[in-house]
Every structure is written in C-alpha cells, then in structure tokens.
Amino acid sequence: RIGILVKGRLECIGTAMQLKRKFGDGYRLEIKCPPVRATELKDFVSKRFSGELMEEHAGTMQFRVEQTGLSLATVFATLEQARTDYEVEEYSFSETTLEQV
C-alpha cells in the first residue's frame, strides 16, 4: 500500500493500481519527427486524440491524451499512418505512470 502525505496530512492510501485508477489522467504519447514537420504533427495529434502538448524539445513532443473512448487498435493504426504522413521517426503510447499522477 502507498500513502500520500501533503503538508503532513494523509491525503490518500491504496495500492499503486488503485491510485492510478483514481487519480490517473489517461495516456502519454511521446512522438519524434523532423523539426520541420513538428507544427503539422502537433495539430494532427491535438485534433485526432484531443492531445494536450506537455513538453517539446528538438522534434520530440510529449502529449497527455484523455482516456475517453479510445480503442488501442485505432490509436496504433493512426500512429502508423502518421509515420508516413508526418515522417514520424518513433513513438511511444503508454498509460500514465504512478510518478506522473
């Protein structure tokens, strides 16, 4: 079990999975493309996944993607198509970690 203290007060307690389920906020998408395609790719991800840009550095971007109604098959098919359309070099799509919660 994990307990989280804020200013000396116990705010929540539970297993890692319980805390992720309760406080997690979807998925993380990390995607890398040539810098000249970054603006187009940001617009695409924002529209297609309702992704919020969290961080960007030298063509590598990290987005927070809401969990609502996403089929993983559709996500990966879309990302594979983006490899061709936006010259995506690599991508990673994962659940939010406990550290990110």
PDB file of N, CA and C in Angstrom:
ATOM      1  N   ARG A   1       0.842  -1.186   0.000  1.00  0.00           N
ATOM      2  CA  ARG A   1       0.000   0.000   0.000  1.00  0.00           C
ATOM      3  C   ARG A   1       0.876   1.234   0.000  1.00  0.00           C
ATOM      4  N   ILE A   2       0.349   2.257  -0.600  1.00  0.00           N
ATOM      5  CA  ILE A   2       1.060   3.523  -0.725  1.00  0.00           C
ATOM      6  C   ILE A   2       0.209   4.607  -0.086  1.00  0.00           C
ATOM      7  N   GLY A   3       0.839   5.419   0.725  1.00  0.00           N
ATOM      8  CA  GLY A   3       0.156   6.555   1.326  1.00  0.00           C
ATOM      9  C   GLY A   3       0.778   7.836   0.805  1.00  0.00           C
ATOM     10  N   ILE A   4      -0.045   8.833   0.545  1.00  0.00           N
ATOM     11  CA  ILE A   4       0.450  10.114   0.055  1.00  0.00           C
ATOM     12  C   ILE A   4       0.151  11.182   1.093  1.00  0.00           C
ATOM     13  N   LEU A   5       1.220  11.833   1.548  1.00  0.00           N
ATOM     14  CA  LEU A   5       1.121  12.888   2.547  1.00  0.00           C
ATOM     15  C   LEU A   5       1.260  14.243   1.865  1.00  0.00           C
ATOM     16  N   VAL A   6       0.416  15.179   2.243  1.00  0.00           N
ATOM     17  CA  VAL A   6       0.510  16.558   1.765  1.00  0.00           C
ATOM     18  C   VAL A   6       0.507  17.452   2.991  1.00  0.00           C
ATOM     19  N   LYS A   7       1.619  18.186   3.175  1.00  0.00           N
ATOM     20  CA  LYS A   7       1.782  19.073   4.331  1.00  0.00           C
ATOM     21  C   LYS A   7       1.512  18.342   5.646  1.00  0.00           C
ATOM     22  N   GLY A   8       2.030  17.124   5.732  1.00  0.00           N
ATOM     23  CA  GLY A   8       1.901  16.353   6.962  1.00  0.00           C
ATOM     24  C   GLY A   8       0.574  15.645   7.161  1.00  0.00           C
ATOM     25  N   ARG A   9      -0.356  15.771   6.211  1.00  0.00           N
ATOM     26  CA  ARG A   9      -1.666  15.109   6.310  1.00  0.00           C
ATOM     27  C   ARG A   9      -1.761  13.989   5.303  1.00  0.00           C
ATOM     28  N   LEU A  10      -2.292  12.855   5.742  1.00  0.00           N
ATOM     29  CA  LEU A  10      -2.504  11.730   4.847  1.00  0.00           C
ATOM     30  C   LEU A  10      -3.685  12.053   3.932  1.00  0.00           C
ATOM     31  N   GLU A  11      -3.423  12.183   2.645  1.00  0.00           N
ATOM     32  CA  GLU A  11      -4.462  12.550   1.678  1.00  0.00           C
ATOM     33  C   GLU A  11      -5.122  11.327   1.055  1.00  0.00           C
ATOM     34  N   CYS A  12      -4.343  10.281   0.796  1.00  0.00           N
ATOM     35  CA  CYS A  12      -4.932   9.064   0.224  1.00  0.00           C
ATOM     36  C   CYS A  12      -4.022   7.880   0.486  1.00  0.00           C
ATOM     37  N   ILE A  13      -4.629   6.712   0.427  1.00  0.00           N
ATOM     38  CA  ILE A  13      -3.891   5.475   0.651  1.00  0.00           C
ATOM     39  C   ILE A  13      -4.502   4.398  -0.231  1.00  0.00           C
ATOM     40  N   GLY A  14      -3.663   3.549  -0.775  1.00  0.00           N
ATOM     41  CA  GLY A  14      -4.148   2.462  -1.620  1.00  0.00           C
ATOM     42  C   GLY A  14      -2.998   1.805  -2.360  1.00  0.00           C
ATOM     43  N   THR A  15      -3.320   0.819  -3.177  1.00  0.00           N
ATOM     44  CA  THR A  15      -2.296   0.175  -3.990  1.00  0.00           C
ATOM     45  C   THR A  15      -1.957   1.090  -5.162  1.00  0.00           C
ATOM     46  N   ALA A  16      -0.862   0.781  -5.836  1.00  0.00           N
ATOM     47  CA  ALA A  16      -0.457   1.586  -6.988  1.00  0.00           C
ATOM     48  C   ALA A  16      -1.567   1.618  -8.044  1.00  0.00           C
ATOM     49  N   MET A  17      -2.182   0.481  -8.319  1.00  0.00           N
ATOM     50  CA  MET A  17      -3.253   0.430  -9.326  1.00  0.00           C
ATOM     51  C   MET A  17      -4.479   1.236  -8.897  1.00  0.00           C
ATOM     52  N   GLN A  18      -4.837   1.160  -7.621  1.00  0.00           N
ATOM     53  CA  GLN A  18      -5.988   1.936  -7.137  1.00  0.00           C
ATOM     54  C   GLN A  18      -5.739   3.431  -7.287  1.00  0.00           C
ATOM     55  N   LEU A  19      -4.537   3.881  -6.950  1.00  0.00           N
ATOM     56  CA  LEU A  19      -4.214   5.305  -7.050  1.00  0.00           C
ATOM     57  C   LEU A  19      -4.161   5.754  -8.512  1.00  0.00           C
ATOM     58  N   LYS A  20      -3.608   4.915  -9.396  1.00  0.00           N
ATOM     59  CA  LYS A  20      -3.576   5.265 -10.819  1.00  0.00           C
ATOM     60  C   LYS A  20      -4.988   5.354 -11.387  1.00  0.00           C
ATOM     61  N   ARG A  21      -5.841   4.409 -10.986  1.00  0.00           N
ATOM     62  CA  ARG A  21      -7.220   4.413 -11.479  1.00  0.00           C
ATOM     63  C   ARG A  21      -7.971   5.661 -11.013  1.00  0.00           C
ATOM     64  N   LYS A  22      -7.750   6.027  -9.749  1.00  0.00           N
ATOM     65  CA  LYS A  22      -8.486   7.150  -9.183  1.00  0.00           C
ATOM     66  C   LYS A  22      -7.942   8.505  -9.640  1.00  0.00           C
ATOM     67  N   PHE A  23      -6.622   8.643  -9.716  1.00  0.00           N
ATOM     68  CA  PHE A  23      -6.022   9.950  -9.983  1.00  0.00           C
ATOM     69  C   PHE A  23      -5.333  10.054 -11.338  1.00  0.00           C
ATOM     70  N   GLY A  24      -5.202   8.934 -12.045  1.00  0.00           N
ATOM     71  CA  GLY A  24      -4.542   8.944 -13.356  1.00  0.00           C
ATOM     72  C   GLY A  24      -5.355   9.736 -14.362  1.00  0.00           C
ATOM     73  N   ASP A  25      -4.662  10.260 -15.353  1.00  0.00           N
ATOM     74  CA  ASP A  25      -5.355  11.111 -16.317  1.00  0.00           C
ATOM     75  C   ASP A  25      -5.141  10.650 -17.755  1.00  0.00           C
ATOM     76  N   GLY A  26      -5.244   9.357 -18.010  1.00  0.00           N
ATOM     77  CA  GLY A  26      -5.193   8.863 -19.381  1.00  0.00           C
ATOM     78  C   GLY A  26      -3.851   8.300 -19.785  1.00  0.00           C
ATOM     79  N   TYR A  27      -3.416   8.699 -20.965  1.00  0.00           N
ATOM     80  CA  TYR A  27      -2.211   8.146 -21.574  1.00  0.00           C
ATOM     81  C   TYR A  27      -1.191   9.233 -21.851  1.00  0.00           C
ATOM     82  N   ARG A  28       0.037   8.794 -22.131  1.00  0.00           N
ATOM     83  CA  ARG A  28       1.102   9.675 -22.570  1.00  0.00           C
ATOM     84  C   ARG A  28       1.534   9.221 -23.958  1.00  0.00           C
ATOM     85  N   LEU A  29       1.637  10.171 -24.863  1.00  0.00           N
ATOM     86  CA  LEU A  29       2.135   9.909 -26.211  1.00  0.00           C
ATOM     87  C   LEU A  29       3.412  10.702 -26.385  1.00  0.00           C
ATOM     88  N   GLU A  30       4.496   9.991 -26.644  1.00  0.00           N
ATOM     89  CA  GLU A  30       5.758  10.651 -26.953  1.00  0.00           C
ATOM     90  C   GLU A  30       6.044  10.329 -28.415  1.00  0.00           C
ATOM     91  N   ILE A  31       6.328  11.364 -29.180  1.00  0.00           N
ATOM     92  CA  ILE A  31       6.456  11.189 -30.624  1.00  0.00           C
ATOM     93  C   ILE A  31       7.595  12.056 -31.143  1.00  0.00           C
ATOM     94  N   LYS A  32       8.368  11.501 -32.080  1.00  0.00           N
ATOM     95  CA  LYS A  32       9.535  12.215 -32.614  1.00  0.00           C
ATOM     96  C   LYS A  32       9.414  12.314 -34.127  1.00  0.00           C
ATOM     97  N   CYS A  33       9.653  13.520 -34.636  1.00  0.00           N
ATOM     98  CA  CYS A  33       9.611  13.767 -36.080  1.00  0.00           C
ATOM     99  C   CYS A  33      10.654  14.828 -36.412  1.00  0.00           C
ATOM    100  N   PRO A  34      10.941  15.020 -37.706  1.00  0.00           N
ATOM    101  CA  PRO A  34      11.849  16.113 -38.072  1.00  0.00           C
ATOM    102  C   PRO A  34      11.250  17.448 -37.631  1.00  0.00           C
ATOM    103  N   PRO A  35      12.064  18.357 -37.109  1.00  0.00           N
ATOM    104  CA  PRO A  35      11.539  19.644 -36.626  1.00  0.00           C
ATOM    105  C   PRO A  35      10.691  20.403 -37.642  1.00  0.00           C
ATOM    106  N   VAL A  36      10.944  20.229 -38.931  1.00  0.00           N
ATOM    107  CA  VAL A  36      10.165  20.957 -39.944  1.00  0.00           C
ATOM    108  C   VAL A  36       8.727  20.442 -40.036  1.00  0.00           C
ATOM    109  N   ARG A  37       8.448  19.242 -39.527  1.00  0.00           N
ATOM    110  CA  ARG A  37       7.098  18.673 -39.553  1.00  0.00           C
ATOM    111  C   ARG A  37       6.383  18.798 -38.205  1.00  0.00           C
ATOM    112  N   ALA A  38       7.061  19.352 -37.200  1.00  0.00           N
ATOM    113  CA  ALA A  38       6.536  19.369 -35.823  1.00  0.00           C
ATOM    114  C   ALA A  38       5.207  20.116 -35.706  1.00  0.00           C
ATOM    115  N   THR A  39       5.072  21.260 -36.350  1.00  0.00           N
ATOM    116  CA  THR A  39       3.837  22.045 -36.238  1.00  0.00           C
ATOM    117  C   THR A  39       2.648  21.277 -36.796  1.00  0.00           C
ATOM    118  N   GLU A  40       2.829  20.663 -37.966  1.00  0.00           N
ATOM    119  CA  GLU A  40       1.758  19.869 -38.571  1.00  0.00           C
ATOM    120  C   GLU A  40       1.372  18.696 -37.677  1.00  0.00           C
ATOM    121  N   LEU A  41       2.371  18.032 -37.131  1.00  0.00           N
ATOM    122  CA  LEU A  41       2.120  16.868 -36.285  1.00  0.00           C
ATOM    123  C   LEU A  41       1.414  17.270 -34.996  1.00  0.00           C
ATOM    124  N   LYS A  42       1.791  18.400 -34.407  1.00  0.00           N
ATOM    125  CA  LYS A  42       1.108  18.889 -33.191  1.00  0.00           C
ATOM    126  C   LYS A  42      -0.370  19.110 -33.463  1.00  0.00           C
ATOM    127  N   ASP A  43      -0.677  19.748 -34.579  1.00  0.00           N
ATOM    128  CA  ASP A  43      -2.079  19.989 -34.938  1.00  0.00           C
ATOM    129  C   ASP A  43      -2.825  18.670 -35.124  1.00  0.00           C
ATOM    130  N   PHE A  44      -2.190  17.718 -35.797  1.00  0.00           N
ATOM    131  CA  PHE A  44      -2.796  16.415 -36.043  1.00  0.00           C
ATOM    132  C   PHE A  44      -3.128  15.700 -34.733  1.00  0.00           C
ATOM    133  N   VAL A  45      -2.154  15.639 -33.825  1.00  0.00           N
ATOM    134  CA  VAL A  45      -2.357  14.940 -32.546  1.00  0.00           C
ATOM    135  C   VAL A  45      -3.424  15.652 -31.716  1.00  0.00           C
ATOM    136  N   SER A  46      -3.397  16.973 -31.702  1.00  0.00           N
ATOM    137  CA  SER A  46      -4.386  17.732 -30.932  1.00  0.00           C
ATOM    138  C   SER A  46      -5.803  17.462 -31.421  1.00  0.00           C
ATOM    139  N   LYS A  47      -5.968  17.381 -32.741  1.00  0.00           N
ATOM    140  CA  LYS A  47      -7.299  17.144 -33.305  1.00  0.00           C
ATOM    141  C   LYS A  47      -7.710  15.679 -33.214  1.00  0.00           C
ATOM    142  N   ARG A  48      -6.808  14.792 -33.563  1.00  0.00           N
ATOM    143  CA  ARG A  48      -7.151  13.367 -33.664  1.00  0.00           C
ATOM    144  C   ARG A  48      -7.345  12.709 -32.295  1.00  0.00           C
ATOM    145  N   PHE A  49      -6.517  13.078 -31.314  1.00  0.00           N
ATOM    146  CA  PHE A  49      -6.568  12.439 -29.993  1.00  0.00           C
ATOM    147  C   PHE A  49      -6.988  13.383 -28.885  1.00  0.00           C
ATOM    148  N   SER A  50      -7.312  14.618 -29.200  1.00  0.00           N
ATOM    149  CA  SER A  50      -7.538  15.642 -28.175  1.00  0.00           C
ATOM    150  C   SER A  50      -6.342  15.697 -27.229  1.00  0.00           C
ATOM    151  N   GLY A  51      -5.163  15.608 -27.813  1.00  0.00           N
ATOM    152  CA  GLY A  51      -3.933  15.594 -27.026  1.00  0.00           C
ATOM    153  C   GLY A  51      -3.492  16.977 -26.627  1.00  0.00           C
ATOM    154  N   GLU A  52      -3.025  17.092 -25.395  1.00  0.00           N
ATOM    155  CA  GLU A  52      -2.513  18.356 -24.866  1.00  0.00           C
ATOM    156  C   GLU A  52      -0.993  18.272 -24.825  1.00  0.00           C
ATOM    157  N   LEU A  53      -0.315  19.182 -25.502  1.00  0.00           N
ATOM    158  CA  LEU A  53       1.144  19.194 -25.526  1.00  0.00           C
ATOM    159  C   LEU A  53       1.674  19.501 -24.131  1.00  0.00           C
ATOM    160  N   MET A  54       2.506  18.597 -23.623  1.00  0.00           N
ATOM    161  CA  MET A  54       3.070  18.780 -22.286  1.00  0.00           C
ATOM    162  C   MET A  54       4.511  19.299 -22.359  1.00  0.00           C
ATOM    163  N   GLU A  55       5.235  18.813 -23.376  1.00  0.00           N
ATOM    164  CA  GLU A  55       6.651  19.145 -23.465  1.00  0.00           C
ATOM    165  C   GLU A  55       7.105  18.992 -24.914  1.00  0.00           C
ATOM    166  N   GLU A  56       8.046  19.837 -25.330  1.00  0.00           N
ATOM    167  CA  GLU A  56       8.588  19.748 -26.686  1.00  0.00           C
ATOM    168  C   GLU A  56      10.057  20.127 -26.661  1.00  0.00           C
ATOM    169  N   HIS A  57      10.861  19.323 -27.368  1.00  0.00           N
ATOM    170  CA  HIS A  57      12.291  19.618 -27.437  1.00  0.00           C
ATOM    171  C   HIS A  57      12.879  18.950 -28.682  1.00  0.00           C
ATOM    172  N   ALA A  58      13.399  19.751 -29.599  1.00  0.00           N
ATOM    173  CA  ALA A  58      14.123  19.282 -30.788  1.00  0.00           C
ATOM    174  C   ALA A  58      13.381  18.192 -31.566  1.00  0.00           C
ATOM    175  N   GLY A  59      12.119  18.415 -31.850  1.00  0.00           N
ATOM    176  CA  GLY A  59      11.357  17.462 -32.653  1.00  0.00           C
ATOM    177  C   GLY A  59      10.724  16.330 -31.874  1.00  0.00           C
ATOM    178  N   THR A  60      10.985  16.242 -30.579  1.00  0.00           N
ATOM    179  CA  THR A  60      10.356  15.233 -29.733  1.00  0.00           C
ATOM    180  C   THR A  60       9.300  15.932 -28.885  1.00  0.00           C
ATOM    181  N   MET A  61       8.077  15.407 -28.951  1.00  0.00           N
ATOM    182  CA  MET A  61       6.962  16.017 -28.231  1.00  0.00           C
ATOM    183  C   MET A  61       6.301  14.990 -27.328  1.00  0.00           C
ATOM    184  N   GLN A  62       5.814  15.462 -26.196  1.00  0.00           N
ATOM    185  CA  GLN A  62       5.082  14.596 -25.274  1.00  0.00           C
ATOM    186  C   GLN A  62       3.698  15.198 -25.055  1.00  0.00           C
ATOM    187  N   PHE A  63       2.675  14.356 -25.273  1.00  0.00           N
ATOM    188  CA  PHE A  63       1.289  14.785 -25.137  1.00  0.00           C
ATOM    189  C   PHE A  63       0.594  13.996 -24.041  1.00  0.00           C
ATOM    190  N   ARG A  64      -0.363  14.636 -23.401  1.00  0.00           N
ATOM    191  CA  ARG A  64      -1.288  13.938 -22.499  1.00  0.00           C
ATOM    192  C   ARG A  64      -2.542  13.677 -23.316  1.00  0.00           C
ATOM    193  N   VAL A  65      -2.987  12.426 -23.340  1.00  0.00           N
ATOM    194  CA  VAL A  65      -4.148  12.035 -24.132  1.00  0.00           C
ATOM    195  C   VAL A  65      -5.218  11.496 -23.191  1.00  0.00           C
ATOM    196  N   GLU A  66      -6.400  12.076 -23.260  1.00  0.00           N
ATOM    197  CA  GLU A  66      -7.519  11.615 -22.424  1.00  0.00           C
ATOM    198  C   GLU A  66      -7.903  10.189 -22.800  1.00  0.00           C
ATOM    199  N   GLN A  67      -8.426   9.461 -21.835  1.00  0.00           N
ATOM    200  CA  GLN A  67      -8.743   8.053 -21.993  1.00  0.00           C
ATOM    201  C   GLN A  67     -10.128   7.809 -22.610  1.00  0.00           C
ATOM    202  N   THR A  68     -10.907   8.822 -22.796  1.00  0.00           N
ATOM    203  CA  THR A  68     -12.298   8.666 -23.197  1.00  0.00           C
ATOM    204  C   THR A  68     -12.463   8.052 -24.573  1.00  0.00           C
ATOM    205  N   GLY A  69     -13.054   6.871 -24.618  1.00  0.00           N
ATOM    206  CA  GLY A  69     -13.470   6.222 -25.851  1.00  0.00           C
ATOM    207  C   GLY A  69     -12.381   5.876 -26.848  1.00  0.00           C
ATOM    208  N   LEU A  70     -11.146   5.688 -26.392  1.00  0.00           N
ATOM    209  CA  LEU A  70     -10.072   5.352 -27.310  1.00  0.00           C
ATOM    210  C   LEU A  70      -9.931   3.844 -27.449  1.00  0.00           C
ATOM    211  N   SER A  71      -9.890   3.384 -28.664  1.00  0.00           N
ATOM    212  CA  SER A  71      -9.571   1.994 -28.955  1.00  0.00           C
ATOM    213  C   SER A  71      -8.074   1.939 -29.253  1.00  0.00           C
ATOM    214  N   LEU A  72      -7.347   1.072 -28.576  1.00  0.00           N
ATOM    215  CA  LEU A  72      -5.904   0.994 -28.805  1.00  0.00           C
ATOM    216  C   LEU A  72      -5.592   0.602 -30.242  1.00  0.00           C
ATOM    217  N   ALA A  73      -6.431  -0.226 -30.844  1.00  0.00           N
ATOM    218  CA  ALA A  73      -6.223  -0.604 -32.246  1.00  0.00           C
ATOM    219  C   ALA A  73      -6.288   0.626 -33.143  1.00  0.00           C
ATOM    220  N   THR A  74      -7.242   1.498 -32.889  1.00  0.00           N
ATOM    221  CA  THR A  74      -7.384   2.727 -33.675  1.00  0.00           C
ATOM    222  C   THR A  74      -6.204   3.659 -33.429  1.00  0.00           C
ATOM    223  N   VAL A  75      -5.774   3.754 -32.176  1.00  0.00           N
ATOM    224  CA  VAL A  75      -4.636   4.621 -31.840  1.00  0.00           C
ATOM    225  C   VAL A  75      -3.403   4.180 -32.619  1.00  0.00           C
ATOM    226  N   PHE A  76      -3.096   2.886 -32.564  1.00  0.00           N
ATOM    227  CA  PHE A  76      -1.881   2.416 -33.231  1.00  0.00           C
ATOM    228  C   PHE A  76      -1.999   2.471 -34.752  1.00  0.00           C
ATOM    229  N   ALA A  77      -3.175   2.232 -35.300  1.00  0.00           N
ATOM    230  CA  ALA A  77      -3.361   2.374 -36.754  1.00  0.00           C
ATOM    231  C   ALA A  77      -3.139   3.824 -37.170  1.00  0.00           C
ATOM    232  N   THR A  78      -3.644   4.767 -36.380  1.00  0.00           N
ATOM    233  CA  THR A  78      -3.477   6.194 -36.665  1.00  0.00           C
ATOM    234  C   THR A  78      -2.006   6.595 -36.567  1.00  0.00           C
ATOM    235  N   LEU A  79      -1.320   6.103 -35.540  1.00  0.00           N
ATOM    236  CA  LEU A  79       0.093   6.441 -35.372  1.00  0.00           C
ATOM    237  C   LEU A  79       0.951   5.839 -36.481  1.00  0.00           C
ATOM    238  N   GLU A  80       0.608   4.657 -36.930  1.00  0.00           N
ATOM    239  CA  GLU A  80       1.342   4.053 -38.044  1.00  0.00           C
ATOM    240  C   GLU A  80       1.139   4.859 -39.326  1.00  0.00           C
ATOM    241  N   GLN A  81      -0.063   5.364 -39.542  1.00  0.00           N
ATOM    242  CA  GLN A  81      -0.313   6.204 -40.710  1.00  0.00           C
ATOM    243  C   GLN A  81       0.469   7.513 -40.596  1.00  0.00           C
ATOM    244  N   ALA A  82       0.575   8.045 -39.375  1.00  0.00           N
ATOM    245  CA  ALA A  82       1.322   9.290 -39.145  1.00  0.00           C
ATOM    246  C   ALA A  82       2.809   9.103 -39.444  1.00  0.00           C
ATOM    247  N   ARG A  83       3.304   7.874 -39.308  1.00  0.00           N
ATOM    248  CA  ARG A  83       4.712   7.610 -39.638  1.00  0.00           C
ATOM    249  C   ARG A  83       4.991   8.000 -41.076  1.00  0.00           C
ATOM    250  N   THR A  84       4.053   7.723 -41.948  1.00  0.00           N
ATOM    251  CA  THR A  84       4.205   8.057 -43.366  1.00  0.00           C
ATOM    252  C   THR A  84       3.855   9.514 -43.633  1.00  0.00           C
ATOM    253  N   ASP A  85       2.706   9.942 -43.154  1.00  0.00           N
ATOM    254  CA  ASP A  85       2.204  11.289 -43.467  1.00  0.00           C
ATOM    255  C   ASP A  85       3.059  12.409 -42.882  1.00  0.00           C
ATOM    256  N   TYR A  86       3.607  12.209 -41.681  1.00  0.00           N
ATOM    257  CA  TYR A  86       4.341  13.272 -40.989  1.00  0.00           C
ATOM    258  C   TYR A  86       5.798  12.905 -40.716  1.00  0.00           C
ATOM    259  N   GLU A  87       6.278  11.857 -41.360  1.00  0.00           N
ATOM    260  CA  GLU A  87       7.673  11.422 -41.206  1.00  0.00           C
ATOM    261  C   GLU A  87       8.028  11.134 -39.745  1.00  0.00           C
ATOM    262  N   VAL A  88       7.107  10.518 -39.025  1.00  0.00           N
ATOM    263  CA  VAL A  88       7.358  10.178 -37.622  1.00  0.00           C
ATOM    264  C   VAL A  88       8.481   9.141 -37.556  1.00  0.00           C
ATOM    265  N   GLU A  89       9.488   9.443 -36.769  1.00  0.00           N
ATOM    266  CA  GLU A  89      10.634   8.543 -36.637  1.00  0.00           C
ATOM    267  C   GLU A  89      10.371   7.455 -35.604  1.00  0.00           C
ATOM    268  N   GLU A  90       9.747   7.840 -34.502  1.00  0.00           N
ATOM    269  CA  GLU A  90       9.403   6.873 -33.454  1.00  0.00           C
ATOM    270  C   GLU A  90       8.312   7.449 -32.572  1.00  0.00           C
ATOM    271  N   TYR A  91       7.599   6.560 -31.901  1.00  0.00           N
ATOM    272  CA  TYR A  91       6.564   6.997 -30.971  1.00  0.00           C
ATOM    273  C   TYR A  91       6.421   5.982 -29.847  1.00  0.00           C
ATOM    274  N   SER A  92       5.835   6.461 -28.760  1.00  0.00           N
ATOM    275  CA  SER A  92       5.549   5.623 -27.605  1.00  0.00           C
ATOM    276  C   SER A  92       4.189   6.043 -27.072  1.00  0.00           C
ATOM    277  N   PHE A  93       3.322   5.080 -26.816  1.00  0.00           N
ATOM    278  CA  PHE A  93       1.992   5.351 -26.281  1.00  0.00           C
ATOM    279  C   PHE A  93       1.825   4.488 -25.049  1.00  0.00           C
ATOM    280  N   SER A  94       1.658   5.096 -23.876  1.00  0.00           N
ATOM    281  CA  SER A  94       1.621   4.329 -22.636  1.00  0.00           C
ATOM    282  C   SER A  94       0.649   4.925 -21.633  1.00  0.00           C
ATOM    283  N   GLU A  95       0.284   4.107 -20.651  1.00  0.00           N
ATOM    284  CA  GLU A  95      -0.544   4.608 -19.554  1.00  0.00           C
ATOM    285  C   GLU A  95       0.266   5.550 -18.703  1.00  0.00           C
ATOM    286  N   THR A  96      -0.412   6.458 -18.038  1.00  0.00           N
ATOM    287  CA  THR A  96       0.229   7.362 -17.103  1.00  0.00           C
ATOM    288  C   THR A  96       0.859   6.540 -15.981  1.00  0.00           C
ATOM    289  N   THR A  97       2.096   6.867 -15.632  1.00  0.00           N
ATOM    290  CA  THR A  97       2.755   6.151 -14.535  1.00  0.00           C
ATOM    291  C   THR A  97       2.327   6.737 -13.189  1.00  0.00           C
ATOM    292  N   LEU A  98       2.586   6.010 -12.140  1.00  0.00           N
ATOM    293  CA  LEU A  98       2.258   6.486 -10.801  1.00  0.00           C
ATOM    294  C   LEU A  98       3.034   7.781 -10.489  1.00  0.00           C
ATOM    295  N   GLU A  99       4.263   7.893 -10.962  1.00  0.00           N
ATOM    296  CA  GLU A  99       5.048   9.101 -10.729  1.00  0.00           C
ATOM    297  C   GLU A  99       4.424  10.311 -11.422  1.00  0.00           C
ATOM    298  N   GLN A 100       3.782  10.097 -12.571  1.00  0.00           N
ATOM    299  CA  GLN A 100       3.157  11.191 -13.297  1.00  0.00           C
ATOM    300  C   GLN A 100       1.841  11.612 -12.684  1.00  0.00           C
ATOM    301  N   VAL A 101       1.219  10.719 -11.894  1.00  0.00           N
ATOM    302  CA  VAL A 101      -0.034  11.038 -11.205  1.00  0.00           C
ATOM    303  C   VAL A 101       0.291  12.035 -10.131  1.00  0.00           C
TER     304      VAL A 101
END
